[in-house]
Amino acid sequence: MRLAALLLALAALLAVAGTAAADDGWTPIGMEQELMCPTCKTRLDLSHEPAANQIRAALRRAKAQGLSKGEVERRLVADYGEAVLASPPRDGIGWAAWLIPAAVLAGGAAAAVWLAARWRAGRSEGSAALDAPLAPAPAGDRVRLEQQLDAELERFE
């Protein structure tokens, strides 16, 4: 159980680290999905504001100049502020926005594994009682139960 939680946490951290390291090979169209229009506060690829068009042009120029994704983001933040980034920054308090969902996901997975283990242990303890033969019902109870069953079945016909 602890191993599964540890592996899940490690996978989440590797995913975050992998996205942070994937700076090369960016495209202006891909960046448009990661940026916000400073005027209308929607994603850049959904905006038709003049400011969004200026940022798109800046992205094309930066790509032609061979700038890295990180350099482009730093320039845009310097020009438009942190609000131009659709995702929270990966430094300072911004890490909380990345790590808290991963921690909640890991905690949920650990809880699911723990609950499954408890359920499984409970089933194995209770299965001995289920394997024992049932004692026959007393004759008076049997007649009463059969009458009740017949009455219920007639109600549905």
N, C-alpha and C. Protein backbone atom coordinates (compact mmCIF):
# COMPACT_ATOMS: atom_id res chain seq x y z
N MET A 1 0.83 -1.19 0.00
CA MET A 1 0.00 0.00 0.00
C MET A 1 0.88 1.25 0.00
N ARG A 2 1.87 1.28 0.84
CA ARG A 2 2.77 2.43 0.89
C ARG A 2 3.57 2.53 -0.42
N LEU A 3 3.93 1.38 -0.94
CA LEU A 3 4.69 1.37 -2.18
C LEU A 3 3.86 1.95 -3.33
N ALA A 4 2.58 1.61 -3.38
CA ALA A 4 1.70 2.13 -4.44
C ALA A 4 1.57 3.64 -4.31
N ALA A 5 1.41 4.14 -3.09
CA ALA A 5 1.29 5.59 -2.88
C ALA A 5 2.59 6.29 -3.26
N LEU A 6 3.72 5.69 -2.89
CA LEU A 6 5.01 6.27 -3.23
C LEU A 6 5.23 6.30 -4.74
N LEU A 7 4.87 5.22 -5.41
CA LEU A 7 5.01 5.18 -6.87
C LEU A 7 4.12 6.20 -7.56
N LEU A 8 2.91 6.37 -7.05
CA LEU A 8 1.99 7.36 -7.61
C LEU A 8 2.52 8.77 -7.42
N ALA A 9 3.04 9.07 -6.25
CA ALA A 9 3.61 10.39 -5.99
C ALA A 9 4.82 10.63 -6.88
N LEU A 10 5.66 9.63 -7.05
CA LEU A 10 6.82 9.75 -7.91
C LEU A 10 6.41 10.00 -9.36
N ALA A 11 5.39 9.30 -9.82
CA ALA A 11 4.91 9.49 -11.19
C ALA A 11 4.37 10.90 -11.39
N ALA A 12 3.67 11.43 -10.39
CA ALA A 12 3.14 12.80 -10.50
C ALA A 12 4.27 13.81 -10.55
N LEU A 13 5.29 13.62 -9.73
CA LEU A 13 6.42 14.55 -9.74
C LEU A 13 7.19 14.47 -11.05
N LEU A 14 7.34 13.27 -11.59
CA LEU A 14 8.03 13.12 -12.87
C LEU A 14 7.24 13.78 -14.00
N ALA A 15 5.92 13.70 -13.94
CA ALA A 15 5.09 14.33 -14.97
C ALA A 15 5.25 15.84 -14.92
N VAL A 16 5.28 16.41 -13.70
CA VAL A 16 5.46 17.85 -13.56
C VAL A 16 6.86 18.24 -14.03
N ALA A 17 7.87 17.46 -13.65
CA ALA A 17 9.23 17.76 -14.06
C ALA A 17 9.39 17.60 -15.57
N GLY A 18 8.70 16.62 -16.15
CA GLY A 18 8.78 16.42 -17.60
C GLY A 18 8.19 17.58 -18.37
N THR A 19 7.11 18.14 -17.88
CA THR A 19 6.53 19.29 -18.58
C THR A 19 7.40 20.52 -18.40
N ALA A 20 8.08 20.63 -17.27
CA ALA A 20 8.95 21.78 -17.06
C ALA A 20 10.18 21.69 -17.96
N ALA A 21 10.64 20.47 -18.26
CA ALA A 21 11.84 20.30 -19.06
C ALA A 21 11.55 20.34 -20.56
N ALA A 22 10.29 20.31 -20.96
CA ALA A 22 9.93 20.24 -22.37
C ALA A 22 9.83 21.64 -22.99
N ASP A 23 10.92 22.42 -22.92
CA ASP A 23 10.93 23.77 -23.46
C ASP A 23 11.16 23.80 -24.96
N ASP A 24 11.92 22.89 -25.49
CA ASP A 24 12.26 22.92 -26.91
C ASP A 24 11.12 22.37 -27.75
N GLY A 25 11.09 22.79 -28.99
CA GLY A 25 10.08 22.30 -29.91
C GLY A 25 8.74 22.96 -29.74
N TRP A 26 8.70 24.14 -29.17
CA TRP A 26 7.42 24.82 -28.99
C TRP A 26 6.97 25.40 -30.31
N THR A 27 5.67 25.61 -30.43
CA THR A 27 5.09 26.23 -31.62
C THR A 27 4.22 27.40 -31.19
N PRO A 28 4.08 28.40 -32.04
CA PRO A 28 3.19 29.52 -31.69
C PRO A 28 1.76 29.06 -31.41
N ILE A 29 1.26 28.10 -32.20
CA ILE A 29 -0.10 27.62 -31.98
C ILE A 29 -0.21 26.91 -30.63
N GLY A 30 0.80 26.12 -30.29
CA GLY A 30 0.79 25.45 -28.99
C GLY A 30 0.87 26.43 -27.84
N MET A 31 1.66 27.49 -28.00
CA MET A 31 1.78 28.51 -26.95
C MET A 31 0.47 29.28 -26.78
N GLU A 32 -0.28 29.43 -27.86
CA GLU A 32 -1.54 30.16 -27.76
C GLU A 32 -2.50 29.48 -26.78
N GLN A 33 -2.37 28.18 -26.60
CA GLN A 33 -3.22 27.45 -25.67
C GLN A 33 -2.73 27.58 -24.23
N GLU A 34 -1.53 28.09 -24.05
CA GLU A 34 -0.95 28.23 -22.72
C GLU A 34 -0.91 29.67 -22.24
N LEU A 35 -1.42 30.58 -23.06
CA LEU A 35 -1.39 32.00 -22.73
C LEU A 35 -2.79 32.56 -22.66
N MET A 36 -2.93 33.66 -21.93
CA MET A 36 -4.21 34.33 -21.78
C MET A 36 -4.14 35.71 -22.44
N CYS A 37 -5.27 36.13 -22.98
CA CYS A 37 -5.37 37.47 -23.54
C CYS A 37 -5.47 38.45 -22.36
N PRO A 38 -4.60 39.46 -22.31
CA PRO A 38 -4.66 40.40 -21.18
C PRO A 38 -5.89 41.29 -21.21
N THR A 39 -6.56 41.40 -22.35
CA THR A 39 -7.74 42.27 -22.45
C THR A 39 -9.01 41.55 -22.03
N CYS A 40 -9.31 40.41 -22.64
CA CYS A 40 -10.58 39.73 -22.38
C CYS A 40 -10.45 38.58 -21.39
N LYS A 41 -9.23 38.24 -20.95
CA LYS A 41 -8.98 37.21 -19.94
C LYS A 41 -9.43 35.81 -20.37
N THR A 42 -9.42 35.55 -21.69
CA THR A 42 -9.68 34.21 -22.20
C THR A 42 -8.38 33.68 -22.79
N ARG A 43 -8.36 32.37 -23.06
CA ARG A 43 -7.16 31.81 -23.67
C ARG A 43 -6.87 32.52 -24.97
N LEU A 44 -5.60 32.66 -25.29
CA LEU A 44 -5.18 33.41 -26.47
C LEU A 44 -5.74 32.82 -27.75
N ASP A 45 -5.83 31.49 -27.84
CA ASP A 45 -6.34 30.88 -29.06
C ASP A 45 -7.84 31.09 -29.25
N LEU A 46 -8.53 31.59 -28.23
CA LEU A 46 -9.96 31.84 -28.31
C LEU A 46 -10.29 33.33 -28.44
N SER A 47 -9.27 34.16 -28.34
CA SER A 47 -9.48 35.60 -28.31
C SER A 47 -9.25 36.22 -29.69
N HIS A 48 -10.02 37.29 -29.96
CA HIS A 48 -9.87 38.04 -31.21
C HIS A 48 -9.55 39.50 -30.94
N GLU A 49 -9.10 39.80 -29.73
CA GLU A 49 -8.77 41.17 -29.34
C GLU A 49 -7.45 41.60 -30.00
N PRO A 50 -7.26 42.90 -30.19
CA PRO A 50 -6.00 43.39 -30.77
C PRO A 50 -4.77 42.97 -29.95
N ALA A 51 -4.90 42.95 -28.62
CA ALA A 51 -3.77 42.53 -27.79
C ALA A 51 -3.40 41.07 -28.06
N ALA A 52 -4.40 40.23 -28.27
CA ALA A 52 -4.15 38.83 -28.58
C ALA A 52 -3.44 38.71 -29.92
N ASN A 53 -3.84 39.51 -30.89
CA ASN A 53 -3.17 39.49 -32.20
C ASN A 53 -1.72 39.96 -32.08
N GLN A 54 -1.46 40.94 -31.20
CA GLN A 54 -0.08 41.40 -30.99
C GLN A 54 0.78 40.29 -30.38
N ILE A 55 0.20 39.57 -29.43
CA ILE A 55 0.95 38.49 -28.80
C ILE A 55 1.21 37.37 -29.81
N ARG A 56 0.24 37.06 -30.64
CA ARG A 56 0.44 36.04 -31.68
C ARG A 56 1.59 36.44 -32.61
N ALA A 57 1.63 37.70 -33.01
CA ALA A 57 2.71 38.19 -33.87
C ALA A 57 4.05 38.08 -33.14
N ALA A 58 4.05 38.40 -31.85
CA ALA A 58 5.29 38.29 -31.06
C ALA A 58 5.75 36.85 -30.98
N LEU A 59 4.81 35.93 -30.86
CA LEU A 59 5.15 34.50 -30.83
C LEU A 59 5.80 34.06 -32.13
N ARG A 60 5.23 34.50 -33.25
CA ARG A 60 5.81 34.13 -34.55
C ARG A 60 7.22 34.72 -34.71
N ARG A 61 7.40 35.97 -34.29
CA ARG A 61 8.74 36.57 -34.38
C ARG A 61 9.73 35.84 -33.48
N ALA A 62 9.31 35.48 -32.27
CA ALA A 62 10.21 34.80 -31.33
C ALA A 62 10.59 33.42 -31.87
N LYS A 63 9.66 32.75 -32.50
CA LYS A 63 9.97 31.44 -33.09
C LYS A 63 10.98 31.60 -34.22
N ALA A 64 10.78 32.63 -35.04
CA ALA A 64 11.70 32.88 -36.16
C ALA A 64 13.10 33.24 -35.64
N GLN A 65 13.17 33.88 -34.47
CA GLN A 65 14.46 34.25 -33.88
C GLN A 65 15.12 33.08 -33.16
N GLY A 66 14.37 31.99 -32.98
CA GLY A 66 14.93 30.81 -32.32
C GLY A 66 14.95 30.90 -30.80
N LEU A 67 14.11 31.71 -30.23
CA LEU A 67 14.06 31.84 -28.77
C LEU A 67 13.43 30.58 -28.15
N SER A 68 13.85 30.28 -26.94
CA SER A 68 13.26 29.14 -26.24
C SER A 68 11.91 29.53 -25.67
N LYS A 69 11.15 28.53 -25.30
CA LYS A 69 9.83 28.75 -24.73
C LYS A 69 9.93 29.57 -23.44
N GLY A 70 10.92 29.26 -22.64
CA GLY A 70 11.12 30.00 -21.39
C GLY A 70 11.43 31.46 -21.63
N GLU A 71 12.26 31.74 -22.63
CA GLU A 71 12.58 33.14 -22.95
C GLU A 71 11.33 33.88 -23.42
N VAL A 72 10.53 33.23 -24.23
CA VAL A 72 9.30 33.86 -24.73
C VAL A 72 8.36 34.15 -23.57
N GLU A 73 8.20 33.19 -22.68
CA GLU A 73 7.33 33.41 -21.53
C GLU A 73 7.83 34.55 -20.66
N ARG A 74 9.14 34.60 -20.43
CA ARG A 74 9.70 35.69 -19.60
C ARG A 74 9.45 37.05 -20.25
N ARG A 75 9.61 37.14 -21.56
CA ARG A 75 9.35 38.41 -22.25
C ARG A 75 7.88 38.80 -22.16
N LEU A 76 7.00 37.84 -22.36
CA LEU A 76 5.57 38.14 -22.30
C LEU A 76 5.15 38.56 -20.89
N VAL A 77 5.71 37.90 -19.87
CA VAL A 77 5.40 38.28 -18.49
C VAL A 77 5.94 39.68 -18.21
N ALA A 78 7.12 40.00 -18.75
CA ALA A 78 7.67 41.35 -18.55
C ALA A 78 6.78 42.39 -19.22
N ASP A 79 6.20 42.07 -20.37
CA ASP A 79 5.37 43.03 -21.10
C ASP A 79 3.94 43.11 -20.57
N TYR A 80 3.35 41.96 -20.21
CA TYR A 80 1.93 41.91 -19.88
C TYR A 80 1.62 41.50 -18.44
N GLY A 81 2.62 41.05 -17.70
CA GLY A 81 2.39 40.61 -16.33
C GLY A 81 2.11 39.11 -16.25
N GLU A 82 2.08 38.59 -15.02
CA GLU A 82 1.87 37.15 -14.78
C GLU A 82 0.53 36.66 -15.32
N ALA A 83 -0.44 37.56 -15.45
CA ALA A 83 -1.78 37.16 -15.89
C ALA A 83 -1.80 36.64 -17.32
N VAL A 84 -0.72 36.87 -18.08
CA VAL A 84 -0.68 36.38 -19.46
C VAL A 84 -0.49 34.85 -19.50
N LEU A 85 0.00 34.27 -18.41
CA LEU A 85 0.21 32.82 -18.35
C LEU A 85 -1.08 32.13 -17.92
N ALA A 86 -1.49 31.14 -18.68
CA ALA A 86 -2.72 30.41 -18.35
C ALA A 86 -2.51 29.49 -17.15
N SER A 87 -1.31 28.99 -16.98
CA SER A 87 -1.02 28.12 -15.84
C SER A 87 -0.23 28.92 -14.80
N PRO A 88 -0.34 28.52 -13.55
CA PRO A 88 0.39 29.24 -12.51
C PRO A 88 1.89 29.05 -12.69
N PRO A 89 2.68 30.00 -12.23
CA PRO A 89 4.13 29.87 -12.36
C PRO A 89 4.65 28.69 -11.56
N ARG A 90 5.77 28.14 -11.98
CA ARG A 90 6.33 26.96 -11.31
C ARG A 90 7.42 27.35 -10.34
N ASP A 91 7.24 28.46 -9.67
CA ASP A 91 8.17 28.86 -8.63
C ASP A 91 7.39 29.55 -7.52
N GLY A 92 7.98 29.62 -6.35
CA GLY A 92 7.32 30.28 -5.22
C GLY A 92 6.01 29.62 -4.87
N ILE A 93 5.00 30.43 -4.63
CA ILE A 93 3.68 29.93 -4.23
C ILE A 93 2.99 29.21 -5.39
N GLY A 94 3.42 29.47 -6.63
CA GLY A 94 2.83 28.80 -7.78
C GLY A 94 2.98 27.30 -7.74
N TRP A 95 4.02 26.81 -7.06
CA TRP A 95 4.21 25.36 -6.95
C TRP A 95 3.04 24.70 -6.24
N ALA A 96 2.40 25.44 -5.35
CA ALA A 96 1.26 24.86 -4.63
C ALA A 96 0.16 24.47 -5.60
N ALA A 97 -0.04 25.28 -6.63
CA ALA A 97 -1.08 24.97 -7.62
C ALA A 97 -0.75 23.72 -8.41
N TRP A 98 0.51 23.37 -8.48
CA TRP A 98 0.91 22.15 -9.19
C TRP A 98 0.94 20.95 -8.25
N LEU A 99 1.40 21.15 -7.01
CA LEU A 99 1.61 20.03 -6.11
C LEU A 99 0.35 19.62 -5.34
N ILE A 100 -0.52 20.56 -5.01
CA ILE A 100 -1.71 20.21 -4.23
C ILE A 100 -2.61 19.23 -4.99
N PRO A 101 -2.92 19.46 -6.28
CA PRO A 101 -3.73 18.45 -6.98
C PRO A 101 -3.04 17.09 -7.06
N ALA A 102 -1.72 17.09 -7.24
CA ALA A 102 -1.00 15.82 -7.29
C ALA A 102 -1.06 15.12 -5.93
N ALA A 103 -0.95 15.90 -4.85
CA ALA A 103 -1.02 15.31 -3.51
C ALA A 103 -2.42 14.77 -3.23
N VAL A 104 -3.45 15.50 -3.66
CA VAL A 104 -4.82 15.04 -3.46
C VAL A 104 -5.06 13.76 -4.25
N LEU A 105 -4.55 13.72 -5.48
CA LEU A 105 -4.69 12.51 -6.29
C LEU A 105 -3.96 11.33 -5.65
N ALA A 106 -2.76 11.56 -5.16
CA ALA A 106 -2.00 10.49 -4.50
C ALA A 106 -2.71 10.05 -3.23
N GLY A 107 -3.24 11.00 -2.46
CA GLY A 107 -3.98 10.64 -1.25
C GLY A 107 -5.22 9.84 -1.56
N GLY A 108 -5.94 10.22 -2.61
CA GLY A 108 -7.12 9.46 -3.01
C GLY A 108 -6.77 8.05 -3.44
N ALA A 109 -5.69 7.92 -4.18
CA ALA A 109 -5.26 6.58 -4.61
C ALA A 109 -4.85 5.75 -3.40
N ALA A 110 -4.14 6.36 -2.46
CA ALA A 110 -3.73 5.63 -1.26
C ALA A 110 -4.95 5.22 -0.44
N ALA A 111 -5.94 6.11 -0.35
CA ALA A 111 -7.17 5.77 0.38
C ALA A 111 -7.91 4.63 -0.31
N ALA A 112 -7.95 4.65 -1.64
CA ALA A 112 -8.62 3.58 -2.38
C ALA A 112 -7.91 2.24 -2.16
N VAL A 113 -6.59 2.25 -2.16
CA VAL A 113 -5.83 1.02 -1.92
C VAL A 113 -6.08 0.53 -0.50
N TRP A 114 -6.07 1.45 0.47
CA TRP A 114 -6.30 1.08 1.86
C TRP A 114 -7.71 0.51 2.04
N LEU A 115 -8.71 1.17 1.46
CA LEU A 115 -10.08 0.68 1.57
C LEU A 115 -10.25 -0.68 0.90
N ALA A 116 -9.61 -0.86 -0.24
CA ALA A 116 -9.69 -2.15 -0.92
C ALA A 116 -9.06 -3.26 -0.07
N ALA A 117 -7.95 -2.94 0.59
CA ALA A 117 -7.29 -3.92 1.45
C ALA A 117 -8.19 -4.27 2.64
N ARG A 118 -8.83 -3.26 3.24
CA ARG A 118 -9.74 -3.52 4.36
C ARG A 118 -10.94 -4.33 3.91
N TRP A 119 -11.48 -3.99 2.76
CA TRP A 119 -12.64 -4.71 2.23
C TRP A 119 -12.28 -6.17 1.97
N ARG A 120 -11.11 -6.35 1.39
CA ARG A 120 -10.67 -7.71 1.08
C ARG A 120 -10.44 -8.52 2.35
N ALA A 121 -9.85 -7.89 3.36
CA ALA A 121 -9.62 -8.58 4.63
C ALA A 121 -10.95 -8.91 5.30
N GLY A 122 -11.91 -8.01 5.23
CA GLY A 122 -13.23 -8.25 5.80
C GLY A 122 -13.96 -9.37 5.09
N ARG A 123 -13.78 -9.45 3.79
CA ARG A 123 -14.44 -10.52 3.02
C ARG A 123 -13.86 -11.87 3.38
N SER A 124 -12.54 -11.94 3.58
CA SER A 124 -11.94 -13.24 3.88
C SER A 124 -12.33 -13.69 5.28
N GLU A 125 -12.50 -12.73 6.24
CA GLU A 125 -12.96 -13.11 7.57
C GLU A 125 -14.42 -13.53 7.54
N GLY A 126 -15.22 -12.81 6.78
CA GLY A 126 -16.65 -13.10 6.72
C GLY A 126 -16.98 -14.28 5.83
N SER A 127 -16.06 -14.69 4.96
CA SER A 127 -16.36 -15.78 4.05
C SER A 127 -16.49 -17.11 4.78
N ALA A 128 -15.83 -17.25 5.93
CA ALA A 128 -15.97 -18.50 6.69
C ALA A 128 -17.40 -18.65 7.18
N ALA A 129 -18.01 -17.55 7.58
CA ALA A 129 -19.40 -17.61 8.04
C ALA A 129 -20.34 -17.91 6.86
N LEU A 130 -20.00 -17.45 5.69
CA LEU A 130 -20.83 -17.70 4.52
C LEU A 130 -20.73 -19.15 4.05
N ASP A 131 -19.58 -19.76 4.29
CA ASP A 131 -19.37 -21.14 3.85
C ASP A 131 -20.12 -22.14 4.74
N ALA A 132 -20.47 -21.74 5.97
CA ALA A 132 -21.18 -22.65 6.88
C ALA A 132 -22.60 -22.87 6.36
N PRO A 133 -23.12 -24.10 6.51
CA PRO A 133 -24.49 -24.37 6.03
C PRO A 133 -25.50 -23.58 6.86
N LEU A 134 -26.59 -23.19 6.23
CA LEU A 134 -27.65 -22.46 6.92
C LEU A 134 -28.51 -23.43 7.69
N ALA A 135 -28.90 -23.00 8.88
CA ALA A 135 -29.80 -23.83 9.68
C ALA A 135 -31.20 -23.69 9.12
N PRO A 136 -31.97 -24.75 9.05
CA PRO A 136 -33.34 -24.64 8.54
C PRO A 136 -34.20 -23.78 9.46
N ALA A 137 -35.11 -23.06 8.86
CA ALA A 137 -36.01 -22.21 9.63
C ALA A 137 -36.99 -23.09 10.39
N PRO A 138 -37.44 -22.66 11.57
CA PRO A 138 -38.46 -23.43 12.30
C PRO A 138 -39.72 -23.56 11.45
N ALA A 139 -40.48 -24.64 11.67
CA ALA A 139 -41.65 -24.94 10.84
C ALA A 139 -42.66 -23.81 10.85
N GLY A 140 -42.92 -23.19 11.99
CA GLY A 140 -43.90 -22.10 12.07
C GLY A 140 -43.46 -20.90 11.27
N ASP A 141 -42.19 -20.61 11.32
CA ASP A 141 -41.67 -19.48 10.55
C ASP A 141 -41.73 -19.76 9.05
N ARG A 142 -41.47 -21.03 8.70
CA ARG A 142 -41.47 -21.39 7.28
C ARG A 142 -42.86 -21.18 6.67
N VAL A 143 -43.89 -21.60 7.36
CA VAL A 143 -45.27 -21.46 6.87
C VAL A 143 -45.61 -19.98 6.74
N ARG A 144 -45.26 -19.19 7.76
CA ARG A 144 -45.55 -17.76 7.74
C ARG A 144 -44.80 -17.08 6.58
N LEU A 145 -43.55 -17.44 6.37
CA LEU A 145 -42.75 -16.83 5.30
C LEU A 145 -43.31 -17.22 3.92
N GLU A 146 -43.76 -18.48 3.78
CA GLU A 146 -44.33 -18.90 2.49
C GLU A 146 -45.62 -18.15 2.19
N GLN A 147 -46.45 -17.94 3.22
CA GLN A 147 -47.69 -17.19 3.03
C GLN A 147 -47.39 -15.73 2.66
N GLN A 148 -46.41 -15.16 3.31
CA GLN A 148 -46.03 -13.78 3.00
C GLN A 148 -45.49 -13.68 1.58
N LEU A 149 -44.70 -14.65 1.15
CA LEU A 149 -44.16 -14.66 -0.20
C LEU A 149 -45.28 -14.81 -1.22
N ASP A 150 -46.23 -15.72 -0.97
CA ASP A 150 -47.37 -15.89 -1.88
C ASP A 150 -48.19 -14.60 -1.99
N ALA A 151 -48.39 -13.92 -0.87
CA ALA A 151 -49.16 -12.67 -0.89
C ALA A 151 -48.41 -11.59 -1.70
N GLU A 152 -47.12 -11.51 -1.55
CA GLU A 152 -46.33 -10.53 -2.30
C GLU A 152 -46.35 -10.85 -3.79
N LEU A 153 -46.23 -12.11 -4.14
CA LEU A 153 -46.23 -12.50 -5.56
C LEU A 153 -47.58 -12.21 -6.21
N GLU A 154 -48.69 -12.45 -5.47
CA GLU A 154 -50.03 -12.15 -6.02
C GLU A 154 -50.19 -10.65 -6.27
N ARG A 155 -49.58 -9.87 -5.46
CA ARG A 155 -49.68 -8.42 -5.61
C ARG A 155 -49.04 -7.95 -6.93
N PHE A 156 -48.05 -8.64 -7.41
CA PHE A 156 -47.36 -8.25 -8.63
C PHE A 156 -47.98 -8.87 -9.89
N GLU A 157 -48.91 -9.78 -9.76
CA GLU A 157 -49.49 -10.41 -10.94
C GLU A 157 -50.61 -9.63 -11.52
